[in-house]
Every structure is written in C-alpha cells, then in structure tokens.
Protein backbone atom coordinates (compact mmCIF):
# COMPACT_ATOMS: atom_id res chain seq x y z
CA MET A 1 0.00 0.00 0.00
CA LYS A 2 1.28 3.45 -0.91
CA LEU A 3 0.94 5.95 1.92
CA ARG A 4 0.08 9.53 1.04
CA LYS A 5 1.67 10.91 4.19
CA ARG A 6 4.29 10.01 6.75
CA LEU A 7 3.02 7.28 9.08
CA ILE A 8 3.61 7.66 12.83
CA LEU A 9 3.07 4.77 15.24
CA ALA A 10 2.12 6.12 18.67
CA SER A 11 3.51 3.04 20.41
CA ARG A 12 6.88 1.57 21.37
CA SER A 13 5.49 -1.97 21.18
CA PRO A 14 8.10 -4.06 19.37
CA ARG A 15 5.39 -6.48 18.26
CA ARG A 16 3.34 -3.77 16.56
CA GLN A 17 6.45 -2.50 14.82
CA VAL A 18 7.31 -5.95 13.48
CA LEU A 19 3.73 -6.48 12.27
CA LEU A 20 3.55 -3.16 10.43
CA ARG A 21 6.91 -3.84 8.77
CA GLN A 22 5.61 -7.29 7.81
CA ILE A 23 3.05 -5.66 5.51
CA GLY A 24 5.66 -3.34 4.01
CA LEU A 25 4.83 -0.13 5.86
CA GLN A 26 7.51 2.40 6.72
CA PHE A 27 6.85 4.52 9.78
CA ASP A 28 8.33 6.51 12.62
CA VAL A 29 7.73 5.62 16.26
CA GLN A 30 6.74 8.15 18.87
CA GLU A 31 5.46 6.94 22.22
CA SER A 32 2.30 8.65 23.43
CA GLU A 33 3.04 8.41 27.18
CA VAL A 34 -0.73 8.18 27.79
CA PRO A 35 -1.51 6.17 30.98
CA GLU A 36 -3.13 2.83 30.15
CA ASP A 37 -5.92 2.97 32.67
CA LEU A 38 -9.42 4.38 32.71
CA GLU A 39 -11.40 5.00 35.90
CA HIS A 40 -14.65 3.66 34.44
CA PRO A 41 -13.57 1.39 31.59
CA GLY A 42 -17.05 0.43 30.36
CA SER A 43 -17.09 -2.34 27.77
CA PRO A 44 -13.82 -3.86 26.50
CA GLU A 45 -14.55 -2.43 23.07
CA SER A 46 -15.00 1.11 24.36
CA TYR A 47 -11.94 0.77 26.62
CA VAL A 48 -9.52 -0.10 23.81
CA ARG A 49 -11.14 2.38 21.42
CA ILE A 50 -10.86 5.28 23.89
CA LEU A 51 -7.27 4.48 24.82
CA SER A 52 -6.20 4.05 21.20
CA GLU A 53 -7.75 7.42 20.38
CA ARG A 54 -6.09 9.14 23.35
CA LYS A 55 -2.71 7.76 22.33
CA ALA A 56 -3.15 8.80 18.69
CA ARG A 57 -4.36 12.31 19.64
CA ALA A 58 -1.47 12.85 22.07
CA VAL A 59 1.05 12.16 19.29
CA ALA A 60 -0.95 13.78 16.46
CA SER A 61 -0.79 17.12 18.27
CA ARG A 62 2.99 17.09 17.68
CA TRP A 63 2.73 16.77 13.88
CA GLU A 64 1.59 19.22 11.22
CA GLU A 65 1.19 16.61 8.50
CA ALA A 66 1.06 12.86 9.11
CA LEU A 67 -1.11 9.81 9.63
CA VAL A 68 -0.87 8.83 13.31
CA VAL A 69 -1.84 5.40 14.60
CA GLY A 70 -2.62 4.65 18.24
CA ALA A 71 -3.50 1.20 19.57
CA ASP A 72 -4.34 -0.63 22.77
CA THR A 73 -4.77 -4.33 23.57
CA ILE A 74 -6.39 -5.97 26.58
CA VAL A 75 -7.25 -9.50 27.67
CA VAL A 76 -10.67 -10.08 29.24
CA LEU A 77 -11.59 -13.10 31.36
CA ASP A 78 -14.98 -13.36 33.09
CA GLY A 79 -15.48 -9.61 32.72
CA SER A 80 -12.10 -8.75 34.30
CA PHE A 81 -9.65 -6.68 32.28
CA LEU A 82 -6.13 -8.09 32.35
CA GLY A 83 -3.59 -5.50 31.28
CA LYS A 84 0.17 -5.73 31.60
CA PRO A 85 1.26 -7.28 34.91
CA ARG A 86 3.10 -4.94 37.29
CA THR A 87 4.90 -7.70 39.21
CA ALA A 88 5.99 -11.30 38.73
CA ARG A 89 3.37 -12.35 41.27
CA GLU A 90 0.65 -10.61 39.28
CA ALA A 91 1.89 -12.29 36.07
CA SER A 92 1.72 -15.71 37.75
CA SER A 93 -1.77 -14.99 39.03
CA MET A 94 -2.98 -13.97 35.56
CA LEU A 95 -1.56 -17.11 33.94
CA LYS A 96 -3.15 -19.34 36.59
CA ARG A 97 -6.52 -17.67 35.94
CA LEU A 98 -6.15 -18.17 32.17
CA SER A 99 -5.07 -21.83 32.53
CA GLY A 100 -7.56 -24.24 30.93
CA ARG A 101 -9.96 -21.39 30.11
CA THR A 102 -11.13 -19.31 27.15
CA HIS A 103 -10.62 -15.55 27.19
CA MET A 104 -11.03 -12.67 24.76
CA VAL A 105 -8.34 -10.40 23.34
CA TYR A 106 -9.46 -6.94 22.21
CA THR A 107 -7.37 -4.49 20.24
CA GLY A 108 -8.56 -1.03 19.34
CA PHE A 109 -6.75 1.22 16.89
CA THR A 110 -7.29 4.80 15.81
CA ILE A 111 -5.86 6.57 12.76
CA ILE A 112 -5.76 10.37 12.79
CA ASP A 113 -4.95 12.50 9.76
CA ARG A 114 -3.03 15.72 10.26
CA PRO A 115 -3.78 18.50 9.58
CA SER A 116 -7.48 17.72 8.97
CA ASN A 117 -7.87 15.85 12.30
CA SER A 118 -10.17 13.37 10.57
CA SER A 119 -10.06 10.06 12.36
CA VAL A 120 -11.27 6.49 12.22
CA SER A 121 -11.29 3.79 14.89
CA ALA A 122 -11.90 0.06 14.86
CA VAL A 123 -11.88 -2.80 17.35
CA GLU A 124 -11.01 -6.46 16.75
CA ALA A 125 -11.90 -9.30 19.14
CA THR A 126 -10.36 -12.79 19.19
CA SER A 127 -11.24 -15.78 21.38
CA VAL A 128 -8.24 -17.64 22.85
CA THR A 129 -8.31 -20.96 24.72
CA PHE A 130 -5.40 -21.99 26.95
CA ARG A 131 -4.62 -25.59 27.78
CA ALA A 132 -4.17 -26.45 31.45
CA LEU A 133 -0.82 -25.02 32.61
CA GLY A 134 1.47 -26.55 35.20
CA ASP A 135 2.85 -24.50 38.09
CA ARG A 136 6.43 -25.15 36.95
CA GLU A 137 5.67 -23.89 33.42
CA ILE A 138 4.17 -20.73 34.82
CA ARG A 139 7.16 -20.15 37.15
CA GLU A 140 9.67 -20.67 34.32
CA TYR A 141 7.79 -18.40 31.93
CA VAL A 142 7.46 -15.63 34.51
CA ALA A 143 11.15 -16.01 35.44
CA SER A 144 12.05 -15.41 31.78
CA GLY A 145 10.61 -11.88 32.11
CA SER A 146 8.66 -12.28 28.88
CA PRO A 147 5.15 -11.78 30.34
CA MET A 148 5.91 -8.42 31.91
CA ASP A 149 5.17 -6.16 28.92
CA LYS A 150 2.17 -8.05 27.58
CA ALA A 151 -1.55 -7.79 28.26
CA GLY A 152 -2.69 -10.94 30.05
CA ALA A 153 0.96 -11.81 30.87
CA TYR A 154 1.62 -13.84 27.73
CA GLY A 155 2.66 -13.51 24.12
CA ILE A 156 1.28 -16.02 21.63
CA GLN A 157 4.42 -15.46 19.55
CA ASP A 158 6.77 -16.30 22.47
CA ASP A 159 8.51 -19.57 23.17
CA TYR A 160 6.31 -20.59 26.13
CA GLY A 161 3.34 -18.40 25.19
CA ALA A 162 3.07 -20.24 21.88
CA VAL A 163 2.60 -23.61 23.60
CA PHE A 164 0.07 -22.33 26.16
CA VAL A 165 -2.56 -21.63 23.50
CA GLU A 166 -4.70 -24.59 22.51
CA ARG A 167 -6.82 -22.76 19.91
CA ILE A 168 -7.94 -19.34 18.73
CA GLU A 169 -11.04 -18.11 16.92
CA GLY A 170 -10.46 -14.91 15.01
CA CYS A 171 -7.43 -12.89 13.99
CA PHE A 172 -4.10 -14.40 15.11
CA TYR A 173 -2.30 -11.08 14.69
CA ASN A 174 -4.81 -9.42 17.00
CA VAL A 175 -3.55 -11.70 19.78
CA VAL A 176 0.04 -10.71 18.93
CA GLY A 177 -1.05 -7.08 19.41
CA PHE A 178 -2.36 -5.62 16.15
CA PRO A 179 -5.10 -6.88 13.78
CA LEU A 180 -3.23 -6.54 10.48
CA ALA A 181 -5.97 -7.40 7.96
CA ARG A 182 -8.52 -5.10 9.63
CA PHE A 183 -5.97 -2.27 9.93
CA TYR A 184 -4.89 -2.61 6.30
CA LEU A 185 -8.47 -2.38 5.02
CA VAL A 186 -9.40 0.53 7.33
CA LEU A 187 -6.24 2.48 6.42
CA GLN A 188 -6.80 1.91 2.71
CA LYS A 189 -10.39 3.19 2.88
CA PHE A 190 -9.46 6.08 5.18
CA GLN A 191 -6.79 7.33 2.76
CA GLU A 192 -9.25 7.19 -0.12
CA GLN A 193 -11.65 9.45 1.79
CA LEU A 194 -9.09 12.14 2.66
C-alpha cells in the first residue's frame, strides 16, 4: 500500500512495529506516554477504542502533517480486564486464571490524519483458549521476564506463550497485538476518503 503521508506509530510496542513492517509499511515511532488505565472502563470495546484514540491524539498534536496510529490491547476473562502485569506475582496470578480457560483479546486502533484531524477507529476481538498449565511452566515463563510487557501476561508469539494456546477463533495477529488485515483495510479506505 502506498501511503500519502508520513506514518507515525504512537507506540513503542516491538510487536506492533514488526507487524507493520511485515506488511511493508515504513513509519516513525513516537510513544504517546498516555496512561493505560481508565477510571470507568465500560465495555472492553469502548476501553480499547478510547485508549487508542487518546494515544493517537497525544502524538498527532505534535505533527503538522502525518497519519498517526494509536492502539491498545487488553485481555478479558470473566469480565475482568487483564492489562500488563506490574509484578511477577501478578503475572503468575494472571496465567493461573487463564489456565484451561477461554478468554477474549481486544485491540482497538485509531488513525488520525493531520492537519485535517479526521479520524477512524476500529476494534477487533479474538477468542483464545489456553490448555491447562502446570505451576512449573508458569514459574519458568514468569522467570524469563517475557510476560511483563504483555496484556494478560503472555505472548502467543513467544517460546512458552506459543505452547500455552490450545486454539484461537479470530485474527491471530490481534492476539500478537495488532489486527493486520482489519488495519490494512481501514487504512486503505481512510486514505481514499481524505
């Protein structure tokens, strides 16, 4: 896809960067520094949509001409939002809760055009089922440090994270952290409307 303007990713997520490069996009990275918590989160869809928009707007205000992309991903189990764990103990607790269960992964993204400030947002949801995890597996995975920067304390693309997942229904890349097919189609249509 040919971009009409410079693309700015309002995220330092290494996974999102790899995914965008995978589809041939060139972009600059500028972290939004927007806190990833809302007092009254509402539905998972509204939570990730609002945060993705806040991140995109925070970075868009720094650019005169660009397309700015913000994104946010959360894991939801039994109505509880599981963000990034703050401690190893919290990571272990999250993984124990996910063990042998099905949860949802939601990613919201927002694209803002500068200077028009036109924007578009979308949300993708994917169902993920974990197999039953052993305590030793959880301890070893947490000790690796890998879960600490990931919503729900796991990465489907990681060594251990890859073998925790029994099946998914929906977009695989959404679970990695960015729904590529949905984003590609939304960006293509958005550019056509500018």
